[in-house]
C-alpha cells in the first residue's frame, strides 16, 4: 500500500486532473462570455472574436465568413452553449478523477465512494457524446434543411461502458477489502 501512496504516477495524475479541471472551468467562463457577446452584438463578435474564420462545431461548419455570421447567429449561440455544457461535463469528470486519485493516495482505493465516483465518470463519458449529438441535431433544426450530417462519436460511449465495467471490479475489490478487514 505504501508504494501506491508514494507513486509518482499517482501524484502526477492528481496534479494533471486538477489542471485540466481548472482549464475546463476557464473554458466554460470564456464560452459563456462569447455566447453573451454574440447575443448582445453579433456583428462585433463576428469581426473581433471569430475574425472571419469559419466556426466549426461537432463536425460541421456553421458560418464561413463574417457576412454569413448574422444569419446563423442562433446556431452559433446554440453551439457555444453546447460547448459550455460539454466543458462542464468534462470539468466534473476530471474533478471526480482527481478525487479517486486523492482517495487512493490516502488509503485503499477500494472504497464505496470510489465505486460511485468511477460509475459517475462512466456515465459522464456516455452522456457527453449524446449531448453533443442532440445539440448538433438542434442546430440542424434551427438551420433547416441543410447538407449537415450530424454524427455520434462512439469513442465516449465505448469508454464510458468500459469505465462502468471497471466500477464493478472496484465494487468487488471493496467487498474483498471488507472481508480482509473483518478477518484482521
C-alpha atoms as a PDB file:
ATOM      1  CA  UNK A   1       0.000   0.000   0.000  1.00  0.00           C
ATOM      2  CA  UNK A   2       2.945   2.314   0.730  1.00  0.00           C
ATOM      3  CA  UNK A   3       4.091   2.001  -2.909  1.00  0.00           C
ATOM      4  CA  UNK A   4       0.697   3.274  -4.036  1.00  0.00           C
ATOM      5  CA  UNK A   5       0.826   6.294  -1.733  1.00  0.00           C
ATOM      6  CA  UNK A   6       4.306   7.242  -2.982  1.00  0.00           C
ATOM      7  CA  UNK A   7       3.594   6.575  -6.659  1.00  0.00           C
ATOM      8  CA  UNK A   8       4.907   9.360  -8.898  1.00  0.00           C
ATOM      9  CA  UNK A   9       2.284   8.475 -11.488  1.00  0.00           C
ATOM     10  CA  UNK A  10      -0.464   8.922  -8.894  1.00  0.00           C
ATOM     11  CA  UNK A  11       0.954  12.303  -7.860  1.00  0.00           C
ATOM     12  CA  UNK A  12       1.260  13.372 -11.487  1.00  0.00           C
ATOM     13  CA  UNK A  13      -2.308  12.222 -12.151  1.00  0.00           C
ATOM     14  CA  UNK A  14      -3.633  14.276  -9.244  1.00  0.00           C
ATOM     15  CA  UNK A  15      -1.873  17.403 -10.498  1.00  0.00           C
ATOM     16  CA  UNK A  16      -2.847  16.816 -14.146  1.00  0.00           C
ATOM     17  CA  UNK A  17      -6.517  16.201 -13.369  1.00  0.00           C
ATOM     18  CA  UNK A  18      -6.686  19.357 -11.275  1.00  0.00           C
ATOM     19  CA  UNK A  19      -5.020  21.444 -14.021  1.00  0.00           C
ATOM     20  CA  UNK A  20      -7.351  20.088 -16.717  1.00  0.00           C
ATOM     21  CA  UNK A  21     -10.363  20.709 -14.451  1.00  0.00           C
ATOM     22  CA  UNK A  22      -9.334  24.346 -13.958  1.00  0.00           C
ATOM     23  CA  UNK A  23      -8.847  24.809 -17.712  1.00  0.00           C
ATOM     24  CA  UNK A  24     -12.303  23.317 -18.326  1.00  0.00           C
ATOM     25  CA  UNK A  25     -13.891  25.805 -15.917  1.00  0.00           C
ATOM     26  CA  UNK A  26     -11.970  28.649 -17.603  1.00  0.00           C
ATOM     27  CA  UNK A  27     -13.292  27.378 -20.932  1.00  0.00           C
ATOM     28  CA  UNK A  28     -16.827  27.444 -19.522  1.00  0.00           C
ATOM     29  CA  UNK A  29     -16.386  31.076 -18.493  1.00  0.00           C
ATOM     30  CA  UNK A  30     -14.906  32.120 -21.849  1.00  0.00           C
ATOM     31  CA  UNK A  31     -17.561  30.240 -23.810  1.00  0.00           C
ATOM     32  CA  UNK A  32     -20.348  31.888 -21.804  1.00  0.00           C
ATOM     33  CA  UNK A  33     -18.761  35.309 -22.356  1.00  0.00           C
ATOM     34  CA  UNK A  34     -18.574  34.600 -26.079  1.00  0.00           C
ATOM     35  CA  UNK A  35     -22.220  33.434 -26.187  1.00  0.00           C
ATOM     36  CA  UNK A  36     -23.318  36.597 -24.353  1.00  0.00           C
ATOM     37  CA  UNK A  37     -21.229  38.733 -26.730  1.00  0.00           C
ATOM     38  CA  UNK A  38     -22.948  37.037 -29.686  1.00  0.00           C
ATOM     39  CA  UNK A  39     -26.370  37.756 -28.241  1.00  0.00           C
ATOM     40  CA  UNK A  40     -25.512  41.382 -27.408  1.00  0.00           C
ATOM     41  CA  UNK A  41     -23.646  42.283 -30.608  1.00  0.00           C
ATOM     42  CA  UNK A  42     -23.378  39.636 -33.299  1.00  0.00           C
ATOM     43  CA  UNK A  43     -21.608  41.934 -35.780  1.00  0.00           C
ATOM     44  CA  UNK A  44     -18.875  42.936 -33.313  1.00  0.00           C
ATOM     45  CA  UNK A  45     -18.389  39.293 -32.320  1.00  0.00           C
ATOM     46  CA  UNK A  46     -18.128  38.178 -35.945  1.00  0.00           C
ATOM     47  CA  UNK A  47     -15.437  40.777 -36.645  1.00  0.00           C
ATOM     48  CA  UNK A  48     -13.412  40.656 -33.438  1.00  0.00           C
ATOM     49  CA  UNK A  49     -13.879  37.254 -31.801  1.00  0.00           C
ATOM     50  CA  UNK A  50     -14.140  34.964 -34.805  1.00  0.00           C
ATOM     51  CA  UNK A  51     -12.174  37.324 -37.097  1.00  0.00           C
ATOM     52  CA  UNK A  52     -13.815  35.990 -40.241  1.00  0.00           C
ATOM     53  CA  UNK A  53     -12.725  32.420 -39.528  1.00  0.00           C
ATOM     54  CA  UNK A  54     -15.196  29.595 -40.106  1.00  0.00           C
ATOM     55  CA  UNK A  55     -16.903  28.306 -36.984  1.00  0.00           C
ATOM     56  CA  UNK A  56     -16.674  24.546 -36.620  1.00  0.00           C
ATOM     57  CA  UNK A  57     -18.724  22.609 -34.089  1.00  0.00           C
ATOM     58  CA  UNK A  58     -19.020  18.864 -33.701  1.00  0.00           C
ATOM     59  CA  UNK A  59     -18.015  18.161 -37.287  1.00  0.00           C
ATOM     60  CA  UNK A  60     -19.998  20.906 -39.006  1.00  0.00           C
ATOM     61  CA  UNK A  61     -19.086  24.351 -40.292  1.00  0.00           C
ATOM     62  CA  UNK A  62     -21.626  26.908 -39.114  1.00  0.00           C
ATOM     63  CA  UNK A  63     -20.500  30.211 -40.655  1.00  0.00           C
ATOM     64  CA  UNK A  64     -17.762  30.606 -43.197  1.00  0.00           C
ATOM     65  CA  UNK A  65     -17.456  34.403 -43.081  1.00  0.00           C
ATOM     66  CA  UNK A  66     -18.427  37.462 -41.059  1.00  0.00           C
ATOM     67  CA  UNK A  67     -21.101  38.236 -43.683  1.00  0.00           C
ATOM     68  CA  UNK A  68     -22.959  34.946 -43.071  1.00  0.00           C
ATOM     69  CA  UNK A  69     -22.451  35.131 -39.316  1.00  0.00           C
ATOM     70  CA  UNK A  70     -25.615  37.167 -38.661  1.00  0.00           C
ATOM     71  CA  UNK A  71     -27.847  34.702 -40.488  1.00  0.00           C
ATOM     72  CA  UNK A  72     -26.679  31.780 -38.370  1.00  0.00           C
ATOM     73  CA  UNK A  73     -26.393  33.634 -35.057  1.00  0.00           C
ATOM     74  CA  UNK A  74     -28.942  31.379 -33.260  1.00  0.00           C
ATOM     75  CA  UNK A  75     -26.937  28.334 -34.317  1.00  0.00           C
ATOM     76  CA  UNK A  76     -23.693  29.926 -33.155  1.00  0.00           C
ATOM     77  CA  UNK A  77     -25.207  30.682 -29.739  1.00  0.00           C
ATOM     78  CA  UNK A  78     -26.607  27.133 -29.534  1.00  0.00           C
ATOM     79  CA  UNK A  79     -23.212  25.696 -30.467  1.00  0.00           C
ATOM     80  CA  UNK A  80     -21.467  27.859 -27.860  1.00  0.00           C
ATOM     81  CA  UNK A  81     -23.917  26.790 -25.166  1.00  0.00           C
ATOM     82  CA  UNK A  82     -23.382  23.181 -26.271  1.00  0.00           C
ATOM     83  CA  UNK A  83     -19.631  23.626 -25.939  1.00  0.00           C
ATOM     84  CA  UNK A  84     -20.247  25.098 -22.488  1.00  0.00           C
ATOM     85  CA  UNK A  85     -22.264  22.030 -21.454  1.00  0.00           C
ATOM     86  CA  UNK A  86     -19.534  19.731 -22.793  1.00  0.00           C
ATOM     87  CA  UNK A  87     -16.881  21.631 -20.828  1.00  0.00           C
ATOM     88  CA  UNK A  88     -18.958  21.444 -17.628  1.00  0.00           C
ATOM     89  CA  UNK A  89     -19.288  17.664 -18.057  1.00  0.00           C
ATOM     90  CA  UNK A  90     -15.534  17.369 -18.634  1.00  0.00           C
ATOM     91  CA  UNK A  91     -14.755  19.529 -15.595  1.00  0.00           C
ATOM     92  CA  UNK A  92     -16.956  17.323 -13.416  1.00  0.00           C
ATOM     93  CA  UNK A  93     -15.306  14.229 -14.864  1.00  0.00           C
ATOM     94  CA  UNK A  94     -11.777  15.473 -14.131  1.00  0.00           C
ATOM     95  CA  UNK A  95     -12.810  16.641 -10.652  1.00  0.00           C
ATOM     96  CA  UNK A  96     -14.158  13.158  -9.961  1.00  0.00           C
ATOM     97  CA  UNK A  97     -10.959  11.544 -11.299  1.00  0.00           C
ATOM     98  CA  UNK A  98      -8.938  13.797  -9.002  1.00  0.00           C
ATOM     99  CA  UNK A  99     -10.993  12.645  -6.005  1.00  0.00           C
ATOM    100  CA  UNK A 100     -10.445   8.974  -6.917  1.00  0.00           C
ATOM    101  CA  UNK A 101      -6.698   9.514  -7.134  1.00  0.00           C
ATOM    102  CA  UNK A 102      -6.613  11.541  -3.913  1.00  0.00           C
ATOM    103  CA  UNK A 103      -8.514   8.873  -2.000  1.00  0.00           C
ATOM    104  CA  UNK A 104      -6.200   6.164  -3.320  1.00  0.00           C
ATOM    105  CA  UNK A 105      -3.226   8.125  -2.028  1.00  0.00           C
ATOM    106  CA  UNK A 106      -4.646   8.457   1.497  1.00  0.00           C
ATOM    107  CA  UNK A 107      -5.958   4.920   1.921  1.00  0.00           C
ATOM    108  CA  UNK A 108      -7.150   1.912  -0.004  1.00  0.00           C
ATOM    109  CA  UNK A 109      -8.517   2.644  -3.472  1.00  0.00           C
ATOM    110  CA  UNK A 110     -11.231   0.062  -2.751  1.00  0.00           C
ATOM    111  CA  UNK A 111     -13.761   2.314  -1.044  1.00  0.00           C
ATOM    112  CA  UNK A 112     -17.502   2.543  -1.688  1.00  0.00           C
ATOM    113  CA  UNK A 113     -17.072   6.244  -2.513  1.00  0.00           C
ATOM    114  CA  UNK A 114     -14.632   5.355  -5.295  1.00  0.00           C
ATOM    115  CA  UNK A 115     -17.094   2.879  -6.776  1.00  0.00           C
ATOM    116  CA  UNK A 116     -19.660   5.688  -7.023  1.00  0.00           C
ATOM    117  CA  UNK A 117     -17.050   8.092  -8.402  1.00  0.00           C
ATOM    118  CA  UNK A 118     -15.923   5.677 -11.090  1.00  0.00           C
ATOM    119  CA  UNK A 119     -19.555   4.999 -12.033  1.00  0.00           C
ATOM    120  CA  UNK A 120     -20.088   8.773 -12.323  1.00  0.00           C
ATOM    121  CA  UNK A 121     -17.078   9.034 -14.656  1.00  0.00           C
ATOM    122  CA  UNK A 122     -18.532   6.241 -16.807  1.00  0.00           C
ATOM    123  CA  UNK A 123     -21.953   7.862 -17.056  1.00  0.00           C
ATOM    124  CA  UNK A 124     -20.422  11.268 -17.848  1.00  0.00           C
ATOM    125  CA  UNK A 125     -18.369   9.671 -20.621  1.00  0.00           C
ATOM    126  CA  UNK A 126     -21.553   8.135 -22.060  1.00  0.00           C
ATOM    127  CA  UNK A 127     -23.682  11.273 -21.722  1.00  0.00           C
ATOM    128  CA  UNK A 128     -21.141  13.684 -23.272  1.00  0.00           C
ATOM    129  CA  UNK A 129     -21.303  12.453 -26.890  1.00  0.00           C
ATOM    130  CA  UNK A 130     -25.085  12.055 -26.655  1.00  0.00           C
ATOM    131  CA  UNK A 131     -25.441  15.688 -25.539  1.00  0.00           C
ATOM    132  CA  UNK A 132     -23.164  16.768 -28.398  1.00  0.00           C
ATOM    133  CA  UNK A 133     -25.275  14.818 -30.895  1.00  0.00           C
ATOM    134  CA  UNK A 134     -28.525  16.282 -29.529  1.00  0.00           C
ATOM    135  CA  UNK A 135     -27.149  19.818 -29.772  1.00  0.00           C
ATOM    136  CA  UNK A 136     -25.971  19.159 -33.327  1.00  0.00           C
ATOM    137  CA  UNK A 137     -29.483  17.976 -34.184  1.00  0.00           C
ATOM    138  CA  UNK A 138     -30.876  21.161 -32.603  1.00  0.00           C
ATOM    139  CA  UNK A 139     -28.519  23.228 -34.782  1.00  0.00           C
ATOM    140  CA  UNK A 140     -29.748  21.288 -37.817  1.00  0.00           C
ATOM    141  CA  UNK A 141     -33.359  22.054 -36.873  1.00  0.00           C
ATOM    142  CA  UNK A 142     -32.573  25.743 -36.465  1.00  0.00           C
ATOM    143  CA  UNK A 143     -30.745  25.906 -39.815  1.00  0.00           C
ATOM    144  CA  UNK A 144     -33.443  23.946 -41.598  1.00  0.00           C
ATOM    145  CA  UNK A 145     -32.802  21.551 -44.440  1.00  0.00           C
ATOM    146  CA  UNK A 146     -29.037  21.653 -44.985  1.00  0.00           C
ATOM    147  CA  UNK A 147     -26.300  19.311 -46.041  1.00  0.00           C
ATOM    148  CA  UNK A 148     -25.286  18.970 -42.407  1.00  0.00           C
ATOM    149  CA  UNK A 149     -24.788  15.378 -41.292  1.00  0.00           C
ATOM    150  CA  UNK A 150     -24.719  15.006 -37.511  1.00  0.00           C
ATOM    151  CA  UNK A 151     -22.780  12.027 -36.228  1.00  0.00           C
ATOM    152  CA  UNK A 152     -22.457  10.312 -32.885  1.00  0.00           C
ATOM    153  CA  UNK A 153     -18.912   9.697 -31.643  1.00  0.00           C
ATOM    154  CA  UNK A 154     -18.813   6.157 -30.304  1.00  0.00           C
ATOM    155  CA  UNK A 155     -15.479   6.642 -28.520  1.00  0.00           C
ATOM    156  CA  UNK A 156     -17.094   8.223 -25.454  1.00  0.00           C
ATOM    157  CA  UNK A 157     -19.824   5.588 -25.375  1.00  0.00           C
ATOM    158  CA  UNK A 158     -17.310   2.725 -25.501  1.00  0.00           C
ATOM    159  CA  UNK A 159     -15.033   4.387 -22.941  1.00  0.00           C
ATOM    160  CA  UNK A 160     -17.994   5.016 -20.638  1.00  0.00           C
ATOM    161  CA  UNK A 161     -19.074   1.391 -20.896  1.00  0.00           C
ATOM    162  CA  UNK A 162     -15.535   0.230 -20.083  1.00  0.00           C
ATOM    163  CA  UNK A 163     -15.379   2.552 -17.060  1.00  0.00           C
ATOM    164  CA  UNK A 164     -18.765   1.277 -15.828  1.00  0.00           C
ATOM    165  CA  UNK A 165     -17.406  -2.272 -16.095  1.00  0.00           C
ATOM    166  CA  UNK A 166     -14.286  -1.173 -14.216  1.00  0.00           C
ATOM    167  CA  UNK A 167     -16.524   0.215 -11.461  1.00  0.00           C
ATOM    168  CA  UNK A 168     -17.927  -3.301 -10.983  1.00  0.00           C
ATOM    169  CA  UNK A 169     -14.353  -4.560 -10.470  1.00  0.00           C
ATOM    170  CA  UNK A 170     -13.867  -1.856  -7.869  1.00  0.00           C
ATOM    171  CA  UNK A 171     -17.130  -2.898  -6.174  1.00  0.00           C
ATOM    172  CA  UNK A 172     -15.769  -6.442  -5.981  1.00  0.00           C
ATOM    173  CA  UNK A 173     -12.498  -5.059  -4.585  1.00  0.00           C
ATOM    174  CA  UNK A 174     -14.486  -3.216  -1.899  1.00  0.00           C
ATOM    175  CA  UNK A 175     -16.178  -6.462  -0.836  1.00  0.00           C
ATOM    176  CA  UNK A 176     -12.795  -8.246  -0.722  1.00  0.00           C
ATOM    177  CA  UNK A 177     -11.313  -5.352   1.267  1.00  0.00           C
ATOM    178  CA  UNK A 178     -14.215  -5.598   3.758  1.00  0.00           C
ATOM    179  CA  UNK A 179     -13.666  -9.371   4.067  1.00  0.00           C
ATOM    180  CA  UNK A 180      -9.942  -8.900   4.715  1.00  0.00           C
ATOM    181  CA  UNK A 181     -10.568  -6.115   7.222  1.00  0.00           C
ATOM    182  CA  UNK A 182     -13.133  -8.341   9.010  1.00  0.00           C
ATOM    183  CA  UNK A 183     -10.563 -11.161   9.367  1.00  0.00           C
ATOM    184  CA  UNK A 184      -7.878  -8.992  10.913  1.00  0.00           C
END
